[in-house]
């Protein structure tokens, strides 16, 4: 159960991580690897993201000499020394999903010398800490571009407990991440089921073409003189002020939150969420939607100027039904047709109002759909809450590594 899982992780933290360990220089445990792609292979060209993952490279390789690329093997690390153009983060990753891959020759590849003294997976946990990003930026230097070179990487100090404790820490973290992945997979399946139900219902019942503007009201955010300035945002506070990263393609994400004070909140007239409002991103990243239901832990929430609040005009259509429409592939295609703006894409309300959906004419059919969508969204929301709690626990574990 969820409670048992939390107790297991907390007990592991107390027993395994809570003991203070001596710090050692990372250079004692790692060495550079520079194996070139002499055969000129072109398969599995990889990049490294600031999310600390290997990703398939999208670089233009026309006319590229692939023999200059480096080979990285499973269990080895790759990092990009340049930290100046990556949002104060360092791109570093441990290769786990492939036997080998190719990376740019400007990347640094390295490995753990003795995995019975330092587990690569344990080291990757250390690199995953936000504190390491800040450390890497602080230690970066250079005039044209700032880099964290190999010498600085070797000077990194970290606690190195005995190998059994490292294994227990890694196992505890993997328990969390595996559970998160499972819950996310369940949610993906539920979302696909919901869309399949919607499509089948539209196909098998008499429908009426209806403009979105006739179904819902659009509420814009407050963009006046009382809109918060950068220095008025805080990491904690009275009212959560949604930013672009909080509304994703799978609903709300509260990994990074900004807040404003109660006094600032009272000065703004528009954009405050009510229960079961739908939020849609309308500027920059377009078309992400999230439902503000009873499982959301924040009581006071506002949208920023790049979002819209959507509310059904009548009780005939529930927020769950509207939410399903807005997540549909039809809506995504309509957004591509109606988006405007060259420097920054946007969705004007006047264009959103024109998007037309096929709506079942029968109230009985709509009631049945609402029941099914309610059950699906309740399950998704409960799972999202658990995912959020598990992420908090994983962050606690990472923070405890330095104690």
Protein backbone atom coordinates (compact mmCIF):
# COMPACT_ATOMS: atom_id res chain seq x y z
CA UNK A 1 0.00 0.00 0.00
CA UNK A 2 0.95 3.65 -0.29
CA UNK A 3 1.39 4.01 3.49
CA UNK A 4 3.56 0.89 3.69
CA UNK A 5 5.70 2.13 0.79
CA UNK A 6 6.24 5.48 2.53
CA UNK A 7 7.21 3.79 5.78
CA UNK A 8 9.64 1.52 3.91
CA UNK A 9 11.37 4.48 2.26
CA UNK A 10 11.46 6.55 5.47
CA UNK A 11 12.95 3.63 7.41
CA UNK A 12 15.54 3.12 4.70
CA UNK A 13 16.48 6.80 4.86
CA UNK A 14 16.90 6.69 8.63
CA UNK A 15 18.95 3.51 8.65
CA UNK A 16 21.00 4.01 5.49
CA UNK A 17 21.42 7.69 4.74
CA UNK A 18 21.21 9.17 8.18
CA UNK A 19 24.77 8.21 9.14
CA UNK A 20 27.38 10.85 8.41
CA UNK A 21 30.06 9.63 6.02
CA UNK A 22 33.47 11.06 5.15
CA UNK A 23 33.79 13.00 1.90
CA UNK A 24 36.28 11.97 -0.82
CA UNK A 25 37.46 13.56 -4.06
CA UNK A 26 35.63 12.13 -7.07
CA UNK A 27 38.91 12.01 -9.00
CA UNK A 28 39.97 9.04 -6.87
CA UNK A 29 37.18 6.96 -8.37
CA UNK A 30 36.77 7.99 -12.02
CA UNK A 31 38.79 8.15 -15.25
CA UNK A 32 38.20 9.61 -18.69
CA UNK A 33 37.36 7.33 -21.61
CA UNK A 34 38.15 8.42 -25.17
CA UNK A 35 37.30 5.66 -27.62
CA UNK A 36 36.67 7.01 -31.12
CA UNK A 37 34.20 5.63 -33.63
CA UNK A 38 36.89 4.40 -36.05
CA UNK A 39 34.45 2.21 -37.99
CA UNK A 40 32.31 5.24 -38.83
CA UNK A 41 29.08 3.81 -37.38
CA UNK A 42 26.02 6.08 -37.68
CA UNK A 43 23.62 4.27 -35.36
CA UNK A 44 22.39 5.48 -31.98
CA UNK A 45 23.69 9.02 -32.04
CA UNK A 46 22.95 10.45 -28.57
CA UNK A 47 22.75 13.80 -26.87
CA UNK A 48 22.58 14.60 -23.16
CA UNK A 49 19.80 16.68 -21.59
CA UNK A 50 19.72 18.88 -18.49
CA UNK A 51 17.15 16.38 -17.18
CA UNK A 52 20.19 14.11 -16.77
CA UNK A 53 19.15 11.69 -19.51
CA UNK A 54 20.51 10.46 -22.82
CA UNK A 55 18.31 11.51 -25.73
CA UNK A 56 18.34 10.72 -29.41
CA UNK A 57 20.35 13.46 -31.12
CA UNK A 58 18.55 15.81 -33.52
CA UNK A 59 21.75 17.37 -34.83
CA UNK A 60 22.14 17.89 -38.57
CA UNK A 61 24.66 15.20 -39.54
CA UNK A 62 24.88 15.92 -43.27
CA UNK A 63 28.56 15.80 -44.20
CA UNK A 64 29.56 14.76 -40.69
CA UNK A 65 32.71 12.74 -40.10
CA UNK A 66 31.38 10.08 -37.71
CA UNK A 67 34.86 8.70 -37.02
CA UNK A 68 35.44 11.70 -34.74
CA UNK A 69 32.52 10.78 -32.50
CA UNK A 70 33.16 9.13 -29.14
CA UNK A 71 31.74 5.77 -28.11
CA UNK A 72 29.99 5.61 -24.76
CA UNK A 73 29.19 2.19 -23.32
CA UNK A 74 26.62 0.97 -20.84
CA UNK A 75 27.60 1.96 -17.31
CA UNK A 76 29.68 4.96 -18.46
CA UNK A 77 28.91 8.65 -18.01
CA UNK A 78 28.85 11.52 -20.46
CA UNK A 79 28.70 15.21 -19.62
CA UNK A 80 28.75 18.47 -21.55
CA UNK A 81 31.41 20.75 -20.00
CA UNK A 82 29.68 23.93 -21.27
CA UNK A 83 27.20 25.03 -18.56
CA UNK A 84 26.61 28.64 -19.66
CA UNK A 85 23.66 28.06 -22.01
CA UNK A 86 21.68 25.41 -20.18
CA UNK A 87 19.59 27.28 -17.64
CA UNK A 88 22.14 27.00 -14.82
CA UNK A 89 22.16 23.22 -15.12
CA UNK A 90 24.78 20.73 -16.20
CA UNK A 91 23.92 18.06 -18.76
CA UNK A 92 25.23 14.74 -17.45
CA UNK A 93 23.90 11.19 -17.72
CA UNK A 94 24.67 7.53 -17.06
CA UNK A 95 24.09 5.19 -20.01
CA UNK A 96 21.71 2.43 -18.86
CA UNK A 97 19.26 1.78 -21.72
CA UNK A 98 21.73 0.88 -24.50
CA UNK A 99 24.83 -1.27 -24.75
CA UNK A 100 26.61 1.61 -26.48
CA UNK A 101 26.00 4.85 -28.31
CA UNK A 102 27.79 7.71 -30.08
CA UNK A 103 28.28 11.18 -28.63
CA UNK A 104 29.91 14.36 -29.89
CA UNK A 105 33.67 14.63 -29.55
CA UNK A 106 33.21 17.82 -27.48
CA UNK A 107 31.47 15.79 -24.76
CA UNK A 108 33.45 14.17 -21.95
CA UNK A 109 33.01 10.44 -21.40
CA UNK A 110 34.17 8.84 -18.15
CA UNK A 111 33.68 5.74 -16.05
CA UNK A 112 34.01 4.52 -12.48
CA UNK A 113 37.35 2.74 -12.03
CA UNK A 114 36.17 0.19 -9.46
CA UNK A 115 32.43 -0.42 -9.12
CA UNK A 116 33.02 -2.31 -5.88
CA UNK A 117 34.09 0.98 -4.31
CA UNK A 118 31.67 3.40 -6.01
CA UNK A 119 28.45 2.38 -7.73
CA UNK A 120 27.79 4.32 -10.97
CA UNK A 121 24.10 4.44 -10.01
CA UNK A 122 24.97 5.97 -6.63
CA UNK A 123 27.19 8.55 -8.32
CA UNK A 124 24.34 9.40 -10.71
CA UNK A 125 22.10 10.12 -7.70
CA UNK A 126 24.73 12.62 -6.51
CA UNK A 127 24.76 14.29 -9.93
CA UNK A 128 20.93 14.43 -9.92
CA UNK A 129 20.79 16.77 -6.93
CA UNK A 130 19.89 20.43 -7.67
CA UNK A 131 22.85 21.35 -5.45
CA UNK A 132 25.20 19.71 -7.93
CA UNK A 133 23.83 21.90 -10.73
CA UNK A 134 24.55 24.98 -8.64
CA UNK A 135 28.01 23.67 -7.77
CA UNK A 136 28.81 22.98 -11.44
CA UNK A 137 27.80 26.49 -12.47
CA UNK A 138 29.83 28.03 -9.64
CA UNK A 139 32.92 26.04 -10.65
CA UNK A 140 32.54 26.80 -14.37
CA UNK A 141 34.90 29.36 -15.87
CA UNK A 142 35.87 30.85 -19.20
CA UNK A 143 35.53 34.10 -21.16
CA UNK A 144 33.59 33.12 -24.30
CA UNK A 145 31.72 30.23 -22.67
CA UNK A 146 31.84 28.89 -19.15
CA UNK A 147 32.80 25.24 -18.74
CA UNK A 148 33.25 22.81 -15.92
CA UNK A 149 36.39 21.06 -17.09
CA UNK A 150 37.72 17.63 -16.15
CA UNK A 151 39.99 19.02 -13.47
CA UNK A 152 37.01 20.61 -11.69
CA UNK A 153 34.98 17.40 -12.04
CA UNK A 154 37.75 15.48 -10.30
CA UNK A 155 37.71 18.01 -7.44
CA UNK A 156 34.06 17.27 -6.65
CA UNK A 157 33.74 16.09 -3.07
CA UNK A 158 31.09 13.54 -2.14
CA UNK A 159 30.33 11.07 0.65
CA UNK A 160 31.30 7.52 -0.29
CA UNK A 161 29.77 5.04 2.18
CA UNK A 162 30.58 1.34 1.97
CA UNK A 163 29.30 -0.45 -1.10
CA UNK A 164 26.41 -2.21 0.67
CA UNK A 165 25.02 1.11 1.91
CA UNK A 166 25.35 2.51 -1.62
CA UNK A 167 23.36 -0.45 -2.95
CA UNK A 168 20.61 0.09 -0.37
CA UNK A 169 20.37 3.78 -1.21
CA UNK A 170 20.16 3.04 -4.93
CA UNK A 171 17.53 0.35 -4.29
CA UNK A 172 15.45 2.77 -2.19
CA UNK A 173 15.57 5.40 -4.94
CA UNK A 174 14.73 2.84 -7.64
CA UNK A 175 11.72 1.70 -5.61
CA UNK A 176 10.43 5.25 -5.82
CA UNK A 177 11.17 5.82 -9.50
CA UNK A 178 9.75 2.44 -10.53
CA UNK A 179 6.54 3.24 -8.65
CA UNK A 180 6.36 6.66 -10.34
CA UNK A 181 6.83 5.06 -13.77
CA UNK A 182 4.12 2.47 -13.03
CA UNK A 183 1.61 5.09 -11.93
CA UNK A 184 2.39 7.21 -14.98
CA UNK A 185 1.90 4.22 -17.28
CA UNK A 186 -1.47 3.51 -15.64
CA UNK A 187 -2.46 7.15 -16.18
CA UNK A 188 -1.41 7.01 -19.84
CA UNK A 189 -3.58 3.92 -20.34
CA UNK A 190 -6.53 5.58 -18.59
CA UNK A 191 -6.19 8.70 -20.76
CA UNK A 192 -6.11 6.57 -23.93
CA UNK A 193 -9.20 4.67 -22.73
CA UNK A 194 -11.03 7.95 -22.14
CA UNK A 195 -10.30 9.15 -25.66
CA UNK A 196 -11.35 5.82 -27.15
CA UNK A 197 -14.68 6.07 -25.31
CA UNK A 198 -15.20 9.60 -26.64
CA UNK A 199 -14.47 8.63 -30.24
CA UNK A 200 -16.69 5.53 -30.07
CA UNK A 201 -19.58 7.53 -28.59
CA UNK A 202 -19.38 10.19 -31.31
CA UNK A 203 -19.29 7.53 -34.04
CA UNK A 204 -22.21 5.49 -32.69
CA UNK A 205 -24.62 8.28 -31.72
CA UNK A 206 -26.40 11.19 -33.36
CA UNK A 207 -24.36 14.34 -32.84
CA UNK A 208 -24.76 18.07 -33.34
CA UNK A 209 -21.82 20.24 -34.53
CA UNK A 210 -21.28 22.86 -31.84
CA UNK A 211 -18.77 25.69 -31.56
CA UNK A 212 -16.59 25.67 -28.46
CA UNK A 213 -17.68 29.25 -27.77
CA UNK A 214 -21.25 28.00 -27.31
CA UNK A 215 -20.14 25.36 -24.82
CA UNK A 216 -17.76 27.24 -22.52
CA UNK A 217 -16.69 30.63 -21.19
CA UNK A 218 -13.07 31.75 -21.50
CA UNK A 219 -11.57 33.73 -18.63
CA UNK A 220 -8.32 35.55 -19.24
CA UNK A 221 -5.69 36.18 -16.59
CA UNK A 222 -5.03 39.57 -15.04
CA UNK A 223 -2.55 41.47 -17.23
CA UNK A 224 -2.92 44.94 -15.75
CA UNK A 225 -0.66 47.14 -13.65
CA UNK A 226 -0.94 44.78 -10.66
CA UNK A 227 0.57 41.81 -12.52
CA UNK A 228 3.48 40.49 -10.37
CA UNK A 229 7.02 41.50 -11.22
CA UNK A 230 9.82 38.95 -11.12
CA UNK A 231 11.01 39.95 -7.64
CA UNK A 232 7.50 39.57 -6.19
CA UNK A 233 7.45 35.82 -6.76
CA UNK A 234 8.55 33.49 -3.96
CA UNK A 235 9.14 29.74 -3.60
CA UNK A 236 6.40 29.56 -0.93
CA UNK A 237 3.46 31.80 -0.21
CA UNK A 238 -0.26 32.41 -0.10
CA UNK A 239 -1.31 31.95 -3.73
CA UNK A 240 0.16 29.58 -6.32
CA UNK A 241 0.78 31.50 -9.56
CA UNK A 242 0.78 28.96 -12.38
CA UNK A 243 3.67 29.12 -14.83
CA UNK A 244 4.22 27.33 -18.13
CA UNK A 245 5.87 24.29 -16.53
CA UNK A 246 2.89 23.69 -14.20
CA UNK A 247 0.48 22.79 -17.03
CA UNK A 248 1.73 19.89 -19.14
CA UNK A 249 0.37 17.51 -21.75
CA UNK A 250 -0.62 15.14 -18.91
CA UNK A 251 -2.17 17.69 -16.51
CA UNK A 252 -0.74 19.68 -13.63
CA UNK A 253 2.90 19.36 -12.59
CA UNK A 254 3.97 21.05 -9.38
CA UNK A 255 7.70 20.28 -9.43
CA UNK A 256 8.53 23.99 -9.77
CA UNK A 257 6.10 26.46 -8.23
CA UNK A 258 5.92 30.24 -7.85
CA UNK A 259 3.80 32.02 -5.27
CA UNK A 260 2.60 35.53 -4.49
CA UNK A 261 1.62 37.06 -1.16
CA UNK A 262 -1.96 37.46 0.06
CA UNK A 263 -1.67 41.24 -0.36
CA UNK A 264 -0.56 40.88 -4.00
CA UNK A 265 -3.27 38.32 -4.67
CA UNK A 266 -5.99 40.71 -3.48
CA UNK A 267 -4.83 43.41 -5.90
CA UNK A 268 -5.58 41.25 -8.96
CA UNK A 269 -9.10 41.04 -10.33
CA UNK A 270 -9.04 38.13 -12.77
CA UNK A 271 -7.57 34.69 -13.20
CA UNK A 272 -8.38 33.02 -9.86
CA UNK A 273 -9.32 29.33 -10.17
CA UNK A 274 -12.57 27.87 -8.87
CA UNK A 275 -13.15 24.15 -8.26
CA UNK A 276 -13.31 22.13 -11.49
CA UNK A 277 -11.98 24.91 -13.70
CA UNK A 278 -9.97 23.82 -16.71
CA UNK A 279 -6.70 25.59 -17.50
CA UNK A 280 -5.43 25.82 -21.08
CA UNK A 281 -2.04 27.21 -22.13
CA UNK A 282 -2.64 29.83 -24.84
CA UNK A 283 0.77 31.44 -25.33
CA UNK A 284 4.19 29.90 -25.96
CA UNK A 285 3.45 26.22 -25.37
CA UNK A 286 -0.06 25.81 -26.76
CA UNK A 287 -2.91 23.49 -25.89
CA UNK A 288 -1.78 21.85 -22.63
CA UNK A 289 -4.79 21.41 -20.36
CA UNK A 290 -5.31 20.52 -16.70
CA UNK A 291 -8.38 20.11 -14.48
CA UNK A 292 -8.41 21.81 -11.08
CA UNK A 293 -10.26 19.14 -9.11
CA UNK A 294 -10.64 18.33 -5.41
CA UNK A 295 -7.41 16.32 -5.31
CA UNK A 296 -5.19 19.34 -6.04
CA UNK A 297 -3.44 20.25 -2.79
CA UNK A 298 -3.30 24.02 -3.40
CA UNK A 299 -6.33 26.05 -2.30
CA UNK A 300 -5.45 29.44 -3.84
CA UNK A 301 -4.35 29.30 -7.46
CA UNK A 302 -4.07 31.90 -10.23
CA UNK A 303 -3.18 31.62 -13.91
CA UNK A 304 -0.45 33.67 -15.51
CA UNK A 305 -0.92 35.75 -18.65
CA UNK A 306 -0.13 32.81 -20.95
CA UNK A 307 -3.16 30.74 -19.93
CA UNK A 308 -6.95 30.73 -20.00
CA UNK A 309 -9.57 29.42 -17.59
CA UNK A 310 -12.35 27.42 -19.24
CA UNK A 311 -15.76 26.83 -17.62
CA UNK A 312 -18.82 25.03 -19.06
CA UNK A 313 -21.69 27.43 -19.75
CA UNK A 314 -24.40 24.97 -18.69
CA UNK A 315 -24.72 21.99 -16.35
CA UNK A 316 -25.65 19.84 -19.35
CA UNK A 317 -21.95 19.41 -20.09
CA UNK A 318 -19.70 18.63 -17.14
CA UNK A 319 -16.10 19.85 -16.75
CA UNK A 320 -15.01 16.22 -17.23
CA UNK A 321 -16.66 16.07 -20.65
CA UNK A 322 -15.17 19.41 -21.73
CA UNK A 323 -11.78 18.31 -20.41
CA UNK A 324 -11.95 15.15 -22.55
CA UNK A 325 -12.79 17.25 -25.62
CA UNK A 326 -9.87 19.59 -25.03
CA UNK A 327 -7.44 16.65 -24.75
CA UNK A 328 -8.64 15.05 -27.98
CA UNK A 329 -6.54 14.68 -31.12
CA UNK A 330 -9.18 16.76 -32.92
CA UNK A 331 -8.49 19.68 -30.56
CA UNK A 332 -4.74 19.33 -31.11
CA UNK A 333 -5.27 19.51 -34.89
CA UNK A 334 -7.54 22.54 -34.50
CA UNK A 335 -4.90 24.34 -32.42
CA UNK A 336 -2.36 23.85 -35.20
CA UNK A 337 -4.82 25.50 -37.62
CA UNK A 338 -5.70 28.45 -35.42
CA UNK A 339 -2.39 29.31 -33.74
CA UNK A 340 -0.87 32.65 -34.67
CA UNK A 341 2.17 34.76 -33.88
CA UNK A 342 5.70 34.48 -35.24
CA UNK A 343 7.96 35.26 -32.27
CA UNK A 344 5.69 33.54 -29.75
CA UNK A 345 2.78 31.26 -30.79
CA UNK A 346 -0.59 32.13 -29.28
CA UNK A 347 -4.26 31.12 -29.34
CA UNK A 348 -6.61 34.12 -29.42
CA UNK A 349 -9.95 33.55 -27.67
CA UNK A 350 -11.86 34.62 -30.79
CA UNK A 351 -10.28 31.71 -32.70
CA UNK A 352 -10.73 29.17 -29.91
CA UNK A 353 -14.44 30.02 -29.86
CA UNK A 354 -14.75 28.92 -33.49
CA UNK A 355 -13.44 25.36 -32.97
CA UNK A 356 -16.37 23.01 -33.62
CA UNK A 357 -17.01 19.63 -32.00
CA UNK A 358 -19.54 16.89 -32.64
CA UNK A 359 -21.59 16.71 -29.44
CA UNK A 360 -23.99 13.81 -28.72
CA UNK A 361 -27.56 15.09 -28.86
CA UNK A 362 -28.96 12.69 -26.26
CA UNK A 363 -28.80 13.80 -22.62
CA UNK A 364 -28.81 10.14 -21.59
CA UNK A 365 -25.64 9.54 -23.60
CA UNK A 366 -23.99 12.63 -22.09
CA UNK A 367 -24.83 11.52 -18.54
CA UNK A 368 -23.34 8.08 -19.21
CA UNK A 369 -20.20 9.70 -20.64
CA UNK A 370 -19.88 11.96 -17.61
CA UNK A 371 -19.95 8.97 -15.27
CA UNK A 372 -17.23 7.20 -17.22
CA UNK A 373 -15.06 10.32 -17.51
CA UNK A 374 -15.51 11.10 -13.83
CA UNK A 375 -14.27 7.62 -12.88
CA UNK A 376 -11.28 7.90 -15.22
CA UNK A 377 -10.26 11.40 -14.10
CA UNK A 378 -10.67 10.52 -10.42
CA UNK A 379 -8.27 7.63 -10.86
CA UNK A 380 -5.79 9.77 -12.81
CA UNK A 381 -5.91 12.52 -10.20
CA UNK A 382 -5.36 10.11 -7.30
CA UNK A 383 -2.40 8.59 -9.16
CA UNK A 384 -0.99 12.06 -9.85
CA UNK A 385 -1.17 12.84 -6.15
CA UNK A 386 0.77 9.69 -5.38
CA UNK A 387 3.31 10.55 -8.07
CA UNK A 388 3.75 13.96 -6.45
CA UNK A 389 4.28 12.40 -3.02
CA UNK A 390 6.77 9.90 -4.41
CA UNK A 391 8.71 12.69 -6.12
CA UNK A 392 8.87 14.55 -2.81
CA UNK A 393 10.27 11.44 -1.13
CA UNK A 394 12.84 10.97 -3.89
CA UNK A 395 13.92 14.59 -3.47
CA UNK A 396 14.27 14.01 0.28
CA UNK A 397 16.47 11.00 -0.42
CA UNK A 398 18.70 13.01 -2.78
CA UNK A 399 18.97 15.82 -0.23
CA UNK A 400 19.95 13.35 2.50
CA UNK A 401 22.95 12.13 0.49
CA UNK A 402 24.95 15.16 1.55
CA UNK A 403 24.21 14.82 5.29
